[in-house]
Amino acid sequence: MTATPAPIPTDTLDVERVKKDFPILDREVRGRRLVYLDSANTSQKPRAVLDAMQAYYERSNANVHRGTYLIAEEATAALEGARGKVARFVGARSQREIVFTKNATEALNLVAKAWGRAHLRPGDPVVITELEHHANIVPWHQLVDEIGIELRWIPVDAGGHLDLSALDRLVDGARVVSFAAMSNVLGTITPVERLVQAAHGAGAVAVVDASQYVPHLPTDVTAWGADFVAFTGHKMCGPTGIGVLWGTEAILDATPPFLTGGEMILNVTKTGFTPNELPWKFEAGTPPIAEAVGLGAAVDYLGGLGMEAVRAHEHALTAYALTTLGERFGDDITIHGPADPAERGGVLSFSYRDVHPHDLTQVFDERGVCVRAGHHCAKPLLRELGEAATARASLYLYNDEADVDALADAIDAASDFFSF
């Protein structure tokens, strides 16, 4: 079922200026300019993020929440300041709702392993969709084995949308409904609020994997009404090694600690322990302090551009890409996902003739064009598409029409190379 497309803002980015903010885009690869089209995998980092992390290490490197000396207090202020920036960026009610994790995968595992093990019982239904990343599949598979939960699947239709015709039946009696806000393969933007309402109407907890959504669209987790939302820093111009789990205070309070050790406790005795307050009861050990600083700088950078402008730019560029590739290659290319760019993000998973995606992307690499090939950590979806693998070009705020043209030229070059 197609989600009702949100109005597309008209503000656009000055991409030439934006490109100058990313040092890596000045690099040449094999004698050609770098054309980076793999941001769904990981985004590039602006100078502001690199500088913020370097400044932290050079001036305030110390452990947090422990020292009373100046640079330790500065480090703590930097970490908690970044938490506040992230909270405001996604519309959280409080910093207490923002848990720093290693990545979105760890955040989703925290939900399944900590909340799930505490609250799910044998036979409890958990509903996910066919377009999920493995990070939102495998933890639930483990609970099938460990607890005996029932896993139910919302299918994907031929147009790349979720088929919600049987949604009421699928969520009936469910304890959890867990789904991606945007597909990392199809680019499909899912109807988050409708799915959350269906989950809550059935008495289930709603979990949103927003890893592909938060970097590209304005996000308000409070308006969504979900219980948990996971996303990651490295796809939104931030560093690797840091992700975020947002949860309501009520559900985080009802979730036992995931990892244990230092920092996540208020007290430890020979007979037990008392966990720390939110959000620190989920942040065992030394947290990723420099990475949090970098994520805070990334949030500042994206906020400065304006997420409405980011979305408008990517919508226009996705439309250009769909038109350009469709007109140049016709039936030789299959681009999976919704045909309407208003219903998708800038993720273009495609197959070209009978050329294997890995062969395609090797030719692309010779031309400096970076495109991922593989199953994109979504094997169940690829099987539904009838593909073992696809090539995936993904667009972001530093891409422009010239990058799309370079991709098209690279496909032409691959076509010539493999013609015989």
Protein backbone atom coordinates (compact mmCIF):
# COMPACT_ATOMS: atom_id res chain seq x y z
CA MET A 1 0.00 0.00 0.00
CA THR A 2 1.28 3.43 -0.93
CA ALA A 3 1.86 5.92 1.86
CA THR A 4 0.43 9.40 1.40
CA PRO A 5 3.45 11.40 0.20
CA ALA A 6 4.45 14.31 2.39
CA PRO A 7 4.55 17.71 0.68
CA ILE A 8 7.96 18.26 -0.84
CA PRO A 9 9.58 21.52 0.35
CA THR A 10 10.75 23.91 -2.31
CA ASP A 11 13.94 25.09 -0.60
CA THR A 12 17.02 23.62 -2.22
CA LEU A 13 20.68 23.28 -1.36
CA ASP A 14 23.65 25.03 -2.86
CA VAL A 15 25.34 21.73 -3.67
CA GLU A 16 28.51 23.28 -5.02
CA ARG A 17 28.99 24.97 -1.65
CA VAL A 18 28.06 21.81 0.22
CA LYS A 19 30.62 19.75 -1.70
CA LYS A 20 33.37 22.07 -0.50
CA ASP A 21 32.53 21.11 3.10
CA PHE A 22 33.59 17.48 2.48
CA PRO A 23 37.36 17.12 2.09
CA ILE A 24 37.22 13.62 0.63
CA LEU A 25 35.29 14.88 -2.38
CA ASP A 26 38.43 16.71 -3.50
CA ARG A 27 40.14 13.37 -3.99
CA GLU A 28 40.83 11.79 -7.37
CA VAL A 29 40.43 8.04 -7.79
CA ARG A 30 42.28 6.33 -10.62
CA GLY A 31 42.82 9.68 -12.26
CA ARG A 32 39.15 10.70 -12.08
CA ARG A 33 37.15 12.77 -9.65
CA LEU A 34 35.56 10.81 -6.83
CA VAL A 35 31.84 10.22 -7.38
CA TYR A 36 30.54 8.88 -4.09
CA LEU A 37 27.17 7.13 -4.44
CA ASP A 38 27.17 4.88 -1.39
CA SER A 39 25.76 7.06 1.38
CA ALA A 40 23.13 4.48 2.34
CA ASN A 41 26.12 2.41 3.42
CA THR A 42 27.98 5.24 5.13
CA SER A 43 27.99 8.97 4.48
CA GLN A 44 31.00 11.20 4.08
CA LYS A 45 31.94 13.61 6.88
CA PRO A 46 32.09 17.39 6.63
CA ARG A 47 35.08 19.35 7.87
CA ALA A 48 33.03 20.59 10.84
CA VAL A 49 32.71 17.04 12.17
CA LEU A 50 36.38 16.22 11.63
CA ASP A 51 37.46 19.45 13.32
CA ALA A 52 35.14 18.95 16.31
CA MET A 53 36.52 15.49 17.02
CA GLN A 54 40.12 16.63 16.63
CA ALA A 55 39.52 19.59 18.94
CA TYR A 56 38.06 17.30 21.60
CA TYR A 57 41.11 15.02 21.51
CA GLU A 58 43.55 17.92 21.48
CA ARG A 59 41.96 19.98 24.27
CA SER A 60 39.47 18.05 26.41
CA ASN A 61 40.25 14.35 26.20
CA ALA A 62 39.27 12.78 29.53
CA ASN A 63 36.75 10.28 30.82
CA VAL A 64 33.24 11.48 31.60
CA HIS A 65 31.03 11.57 34.71
CA ARG A 66 34.02 10.68 36.89
CA GLY A 67 36.64 13.39 37.16
CA THR A 68 36.27 16.70 38.99
CA TYR A 69 39.14 18.38 37.16
CA LEU A 70 38.51 20.88 34.37
CA ILE A 71 39.05 18.83 31.23
CA ALA A 72 36.98 15.96 32.64
CA GLU A 73 34.16 18.41 33.27
CA GLU A 74 34.60 19.71 29.72
CA ALA A 75 34.43 16.17 28.33
CA THR A 76 31.25 15.45 30.28
CA ALA A 77 29.70 18.70 29.10
CA ALA A 78 30.63 17.85 25.50
CA LEU A 79 29.04 14.38 25.71
CA GLU A 80 25.85 15.57 27.35
CA GLY A 81 25.72 18.60 25.07
CA ALA A 82 25.76 16.26 22.08
CA ARG A 83 22.95 14.25 23.65
CA GLY A 84 20.89 17.43 23.92
CA LYS A 85 21.56 18.31 20.27
CA VAL A 86 20.42 14.86 19.13
CA ALA A 87 17.31 15.06 21.32
CA ARG A 88 16.30 18.37 19.76
CA PHE A 89 17.11 17.17 16.23
CA VAL A 90 14.66 14.26 16.41
CA GLY A 91 12.00 15.91 18.54
CA ALA A 92 12.58 14.01 21.77
CA ARG A 93 10.87 15.36 24.86
CA SER A 94 13.96 14.97 27.03
CA GLN A 95 17.64 14.09 26.89
CA ARG A 96 16.77 11.16 29.15
CA GLU A 97 15.14 9.54 26.12
CA ILE A 98 18.41 9.48 24.13
CA VAL A 99 20.66 6.45 24.65
CA PHE A 100 24.02 6.37 22.90
CA THR A 101 24.90 2.97 21.42
CA LYS A 102 27.60 1.69 19.09
CA ASN A 103 25.27 1.84 16.07
CA ALA A 104 21.66 1.16 15.09
CA THR A 105 22.32 -2.57 15.10
CA GLU A 106 23.24 -2.45 18.78
CA ALA A 107 20.20 -0.27 19.47
CA LEU A 108 17.85 -2.79 17.85
CA ASN A 109 19.56 -5.65 19.65
CA LEU A 110 19.06 -3.76 22.91
CA VAL A 111 15.32 -3.63 22.25
CA ALA A 112 15.05 -7.31 21.37
CA LYS A 113 17.48 -8.70 23.94
CA ALA A 114 16.78 -6.43 26.91
CA TRP A 115 13.13 -5.43 26.53
CA GLY A 116 12.17 -8.56 24.59
CA ARG A 117 13.70 -11.09 26.94
CA ALA A 118 12.08 -9.35 29.90
CA HIS A 119 8.58 -9.02 28.44
CA LEU A 120 8.00 -11.61 25.70
CA ARG A 121 6.70 -15.11 26.34
CA PRO A 122 6.42 -18.29 24.23
CA GLY A 123 3.94 -17.83 21.41
CA ASP A 124 3.93 -14.03 21.55
CA PRO A 125 3.66 -12.63 18.00
CA VAL A 126 6.26 -10.15 16.74
CA VAL A 127 5.48 -8.46 13.42
CA ILE A 128 8.20 -7.25 11.04
CA THR A 129 8.26 -6.53 7.29
CA GLU A 130 9.89 -8.10 4.27
CA LEU A 131 11.95 -4.98 3.61
CA GLU A 132 13.91 -5.08 6.88
CA HIS A 133 17.67 -4.92 7.29
CA HIS A 134 19.14 -7.99 8.97
CA ALA A 135 19.60 -5.89 12.12
CA ASN A 136 15.81 -5.87 12.50
CA ILE A 137 15.42 -9.54 11.61
CA VAL A 138 18.14 -11.62 13.23
CA PRO A 139 17.57 -10.45 16.85
CA TRP A 140 13.94 -11.56 16.54
CA HIS A 141 15.02 -14.87 14.99
CA GLN A 142 17.14 -15.40 18.09
CA LEU A 143 14.09 -14.87 20.29
CA VAL A 144 12.21 -17.42 18.20
CA ASP A 145 14.92 -19.90 19.19
CA GLU A 146 15.37 -18.74 22.78
CA ILE A 147 11.81 -17.96 23.84
CA GLY A 148 9.56 -19.40 21.17
CA ILE A 149 7.99 -16.17 19.92
CA GLU A 150 6.02 -16.22 16.67
CA LEU A 151 7.45 -14.11 13.83
CA ARG A 152 4.95 -12.61 11.37
CA TRP A 153 5.81 -10.75 8.15
CA ILE A 154 4.17 -7.79 6.41
CA PRO A 155 4.73 -8.41 2.69
CA VAL A 156 6.04 -6.03 0.04
CA ASP A 157 4.00 -5.58 -3.13
CA ALA A 158 5.24 -5.45 -6.71
CA GLY A 159 5.58 -1.66 -6.56
CA GLY A 160 7.93 -1.75 -3.58
CA HIS A 161 5.36 -0.64 -1.00
CA LEU A 162 4.24 -2.48 2.08
CA ASP A 163 1.09 -4.50 1.43
CA LEU A 164 -1.07 -3.50 4.39
CA SER A 165 -4.24 -5.21 3.21
CA ALA A 166 -3.94 -7.80 6.01
CA LEU A 167 -2.44 -5.46 8.59
CA ASP A 168 -5.25 -5.86 11.12
CA ARG A 169 -4.92 -9.64 11.02
CA LEU A 170 -1.13 -9.55 11.25
CA VAL A 171 -1.06 -7.29 14.30
CA ASP A 172 -3.91 -9.07 16.07
CA GLY A 173 -2.51 -10.24 19.40
CA ALA A 174 0.99 -8.94 18.57
CA ARG A 175 3.34 -7.80 21.31
CA VAL A 176 5.79 -5.97 19.00
CA VAL A 177 5.58 -4.35 15.56
CA SER A 178 9.08 -3.49 14.33
CA PHE A 179 9.74 -1.90 10.95
CA ALA A 180 11.98 0.40 8.89
CA ALA A 181 10.90 3.97 8.25
CA MET A 182 12.77 3.82 4.93
CA SER A 183 14.07 0.77 3.09
CA ASN A 184 17.81 0.58 2.54
CA VAL A 185 17.20 -1.36 -0.68
CA LEU A 186 14.03 0.06 -2.23
CA GLY A 187 14.12 3.55 -0.77
CA THR A 188 10.46 3.04 0.18
CA ILE A 189 9.20 5.50 2.80
CA THR A 190 6.82 3.53 4.98
CA PRO A 191 3.66 4.94 6.67
CA VAL A 192 5.22 5.20 10.10
CA GLU A 193 2.34 6.79 11.96
CA ARG A 194 -0.21 4.33 10.55
CA LEU A 195 1.94 1.36 11.54
CA VAL A 196 2.49 2.81 15.02
CA GLN A 197 -1.24 3.34 15.44
CA ALA A 198 -1.96 -0.21 14.29
CA ALA A 199 0.61 -1.54 16.76
CA HIS A 200 -0.79 0.43 19.67
CA GLY A 201 -4.35 -0.45 18.69
CA ALA A 202 -3.38 -4.10 19.08
CA GLY A 203 -1.60 -3.46 22.38
CA ALA A 204 1.84 -3.91 20.83
CA VAL A 205 5.07 -1.96 21.24
CA ALA A 206 6.13 -0.05 18.09
CA VAL A 207 9.83 -0.14 17.14
CA VAL A 208 11.12 1.98 14.23
CA ASP A 209 14.43 1.46 12.46
CA ALA A 210 15.05 5.00 11.23
CA SER A 211 18.65 4.51 10.07
CA GLN A 212 17.84 5.52 6.49
CA TYR A 213 15.21 8.11 7.44
CA VAL A 214 16.80 10.43 9.98
CA PRO A 215 19.70 11.49 7.68
CA HIS A 216 17.35 12.49 4.87
CA LEU A 217 14.03 13.80 6.18
CA PRO A 218 12.82 15.98 9.04
CA THR A 219 12.15 13.63 11.96
CA ASP A 220 9.87 14.00 14.97
CA VAL A 221 9.89 10.84 17.06
CA THR A 222 7.35 12.26 19.48
CA ALA A 223 4.89 12.94 16.64
CA TRP A 224 5.40 9.39 15.38
CA GLY A 225 4.21 8.13 18.73
CA ALA A 226 6.50 5.08 18.63
CA ASP A 227 7.98 3.41 21.69
CA PHE A 228 11.53 2.88 20.37
CA VAL A 229 13.39 4.46 17.42
CA ALA A 230 16.90 3.43 16.36
CA PHE A 231 19.30 5.27 14.06
CA THR A 232 23.02 5.63 13.50
CA GLY A 233 25.54 8.43 13.29
CA HIS A 234 27.66 7.36 10.36
CA LYS A 235 24.85 7.63 7.82
CA MET A 236 24.04 11.23 8.81
CA CYS A 237 27.46 12.89 8.31
CA GLY A 238 28.66 11.74 11.75
CA PRO A 239 31.43 9.31 12.68
CA THR A 240 31.29 5.56 12.86
CA GLY A 241 31.03 3.93 16.27
CA ILE A 242 27.98 5.78 17.58
CA GLY A 243 24.26 5.17 17.21
CA VAL A 244 21.14 6.22 19.05
CA LEU A 245 18.22 4.47 20.66
CA TRP A 246 15.35 6.77 21.44
CA GLY A 247 12.65 5.48 23.75
CA THR A 248 9.93 6.94 25.89
CA GLU A 249 10.98 7.27 29.51
CA ALA A 250 8.25 4.84 30.52
CA ILE A 251 9.46 2.03 28.27
CA LEU A 252 13.14 2.67 28.98
CA ASP A 253 12.36 2.49 32.69
CA ALA A 254 10.65 -0.87 32.05
CA THR A 255 13.68 -2.21 30.15
CA PRO A 256 16.48 -3.89 32.12
CA PRO A 257 20.12 -3.00 31.37
CA PHE A 258 21.52 -4.56 28.22
CA LEU A 259 25.24 -4.45 29.05
CA THR A 260 26.59 -4.28 32.58
CA GLY A 261 29.75 -3.02 34.23
CA GLY A 262 30.94 0.45 35.03
CA GLU A 263 28.96 3.68 34.65
CA MET A 264 25.56 1.95 34.33
CA ILE A 265 25.17 1.44 38.09
CA LEU A 266 24.24 3.50 41.11
CA ASN A 267 25.39 0.87 43.57
CA VAL A 268 26.93 -2.60 43.64
CA THR A 269 27.07 -4.95 46.63
CA LYS A 270 27.99 -8.60 47.08
CA THR A 271 24.33 -9.51 46.65
CA GLY A 272 23.33 -7.37 43.68
CA PHE A 273 23.30 -3.97 42.01
CA THR A 274 21.10 -0.94 41.46
CA PRO A 275 21.13 0.41 37.89
CA ASN A 276 21.79 4.03 37.10
CA GLU A 277 19.17 6.54 36.04
CA LEU A 278 18.19 7.09 32.41
CA PRO A 279 19.85 7.14 30.01
CA TRP A 280 23.07 6.00 31.64
CA LYS A 281 21.77 2.59 32.76
CA PHE A 282 22.16 1.56 29.09
CA GLU A 283 25.65 3.06 28.60
CA ALA A 284 28.00 0.63 30.29
CA GLY A 285 31.69 1.49 30.37
CA THR A 286 33.41 4.44 28.78
CA PRO A 287 31.08 5.81 26.11
CA PRO A 288 32.12 6.91 22.60
CA ILE A 289 32.88 10.45 23.73
CA ALA A 290 34.69 11.79 20.67
CA GLU A 291 32.13 10.09 18.45
CA ALA A 292 29.30 11.79 20.36
CA VAL A 293 31.06 15.12 19.85
CA GLY A 294 31.27 14.33 16.14
CA LEU A 295 27.60 13.36 16.02
CA GLY A 296 26.68 16.60 17.75
CA ALA A 297 28.65 18.51 15.11
CA ALA A 298 26.90 16.53 12.36
CA VAL A 299 23.53 17.46 13.83
CA ASP A 300 24.62 21.11 13.87
CA TYR A 301 25.71 20.82 10.24
CA LEU A 302 22.48 19.20 9.05
CA GLY A 303 20.43 21.65 11.09
CA GLY A 304 22.29 24.52 9.46
CA LEU A 305 21.41 23.24 6.01
CA GLY A 306 17.81 22.53 7.03
CA MET A 307 16.36 19.04 6.72
CA GLU A 308 13.51 20.36 4.58
CA ALA A 309 16.10 21.57 2.08
CA VAL A 310 17.94 18.24 2.25
CA ARG A 311 14.71 16.39 1.47
CA ALA A 312 13.79 18.77 -1.36
CA HIS A 313 17.21 18.37 -2.96
CA GLU A 314 17.17 14.58 -2.72
CA HIS A 315 13.62 14.38 -4.05
CA ALA A 316 14.57 16.41 -7.12
CA LEU A 317 17.80 14.47 -7.64
CA THR A 318 16.06 11.11 -7.28
CA ALA A 319 13.50 12.17 -9.87
CA TYR A 320 16.34 13.17 -12.19
CA ALA A 321 18.10 9.83 -11.64
CA LEU A 322 14.99 7.74 -12.28
CA THR A 323 14.28 9.68 -15.47
CA THR A 324 17.88 9.69 -16.72
CA LEU A 325 18.53 6.00 -16.15
CA GLY A 326 15.13 5.00 -17.47
CA GLU A 327 15.50 7.02 -20.68
CA ARG A 328 19.10 5.96 -21.36
CA PHE A 329 18.76 2.25 -20.67
CA GLY A 330 15.08 1.41 -21.04
CA ASP A 331 14.26 -2.24 -20.46
CA ASP A 332 17.95 -3.08 -19.97
CA ILE A 333 17.82 -1.66 -16.45
CA THR A 334 15.50 -2.63 -13.61
CA ILE A 335 15.31 -0.14 -10.73
CA HIS A 336 13.54 -1.62 -7.75
CA GLY A 337 11.20 0.35 -5.53
CA PRO A 338 8.43 2.94 -5.94
CA ALA A 339 8.27 4.78 -9.25
CA ASP A 340 7.18 8.04 -7.60
CA PRO A 341 10.19 9.86 -6.08
CA ALA A 342 7.87 11.43 -3.49
CA GLU A 343 7.36 7.93 -2.03
CA ARG A 344 11.02 7.04 -1.73
CA GLY A 345 14.43 8.22 -0.71
CA GLY A 346 17.45 8.45 -2.98
CA VAL A 347 18.28 4.73 -2.89
CA LEU A 348 18.47 3.14 -6.34
CA SER A 349 18.97 -0.63 -6.29
CA PHE A 350 19.18 -1.89 -9.84
CA SER A 351 20.12 -4.73 -12.13
CA TYR A 352 21.46 -4.22 -15.64
CA ARG A 353 20.94 -6.85 -18.32
CA ASP A 354 22.49 -10.09 -17.09
CA VAL A 355 25.69 -8.46 -15.81
CA HIS A 356 26.48 -9.42 -12.24
CA PRO A 357 26.35 -6.42 -9.89
CA HIS A 358 29.88 -7.05 -8.65
CA ASP A 359 31.16 -6.95 -12.24
CA LEU A 360 29.26 -3.72 -12.83
CA THR A 361 30.68 -2.00 -9.79
CA GLN A 362 34.23 -3.06 -10.60
CA VAL A 363 33.92 -1.21 -13.91
CA PHE A 364 32.34 1.74 -12.08
CA ASP A 365 35.33 1.83 -9.73
CA GLU A 366 37.70 2.23 -12.66
CA ARG A 367 35.82 5.46 -13.38
CA GLY A 368 35.89 6.69 -9.79
CA VAL A 369 32.20 5.90 -9.19
CA CYS A 370 31.51 4.30 -5.80
CA VAL A 371 28.42 2.07 -5.82
CA ARG A 372 27.70 -0.88 -3.54
CA ALA A 373 26.92 -4.36 -4.87
CA GLY A 374 25.46 -7.24 -2.88
CA HIS A 375 22.41 -8.21 -0.86
CA HIS A 376 22.62 -5.05 1.30
CA CYS A 377 22.01 -7.00 4.52
CA ALA A 378 18.44 -7.67 3.36
CA LYS A 379 18.46 -11.21 2.00
CA PRO A 380 14.75 -11.95 2.61
CA LEU A 381 13.82 -8.88 0.56
CA LEU A 382 16.24 -9.74 -2.24
CA ARG A 383 14.66 -13.18 -2.48
CA GLU A 384 11.23 -11.59 -2.79
CA LEU A 385 12.62 -9.44 -5.61
CA GLY A 386 14.02 -12.52 -7.34
CA GLU A 387 17.57 -11.19 -7.07
CA ALA A 388 20.67 -12.67 -5.51
CA ALA A 389 22.27 -9.22 -5.49
CA THR A 390 21.83 -5.75 -6.93
CA ALA A 391 23.97 -2.71 -7.53
CA ARG A 392 22.88 0.14 -5.27
CA ALA A 393 23.56 3.81 -5.88
CA SER A 394 22.47 6.07 -3.04
CA LEU A 395 22.23 9.84 -3.17
CA TYR A 396 22.86 12.40 -0.48
CA LEU A 397 23.13 16.12 0.06
CA TYR A 398 26.55 16.41 -1.61
CA ASN A 399 25.47 14.69 -4.85
CA ASP A 400 24.21 16.48 -7.94
CA GLU A 401 23.07 15.80 -11.50
CA ALA A 402 26.67 15.49 -12.68
CA ASP A 403 27.11 12.56 -10.30
CA VAL A 404 24.02 10.87 -11.73
CA ASP A 405 25.36 11.47 -15.24
CA ALA A 406 28.69 9.91 -14.19
CA LEU A 407 26.79 6.83 -13.01
CA ALA A 408 24.97 6.59 -16.33
CA ASP A 409 28.26 6.93 -18.22
CA ALA A 410 29.73 4.18 -16.02
CA ILE A 411 26.83 1.89 -16.89
CA ASP A 412 27.51 2.59 -20.57
CA ALA A 413 31.17 1.73 -20.02
CA ALA A 414 30.22 -1.52 -18.33
CA SER A 415 27.86 -2.31 -21.19
CA ASP A 416 30.67 -1.84 -23.69
CA PHE A 417 33.08 -3.89 -21.56
CA PHE A 418 30.76 -6.86 -21.22
CA SER A 419 29.44 -6.80 -24.81
CA PHE A 420 30.49 -9.86 -26.78
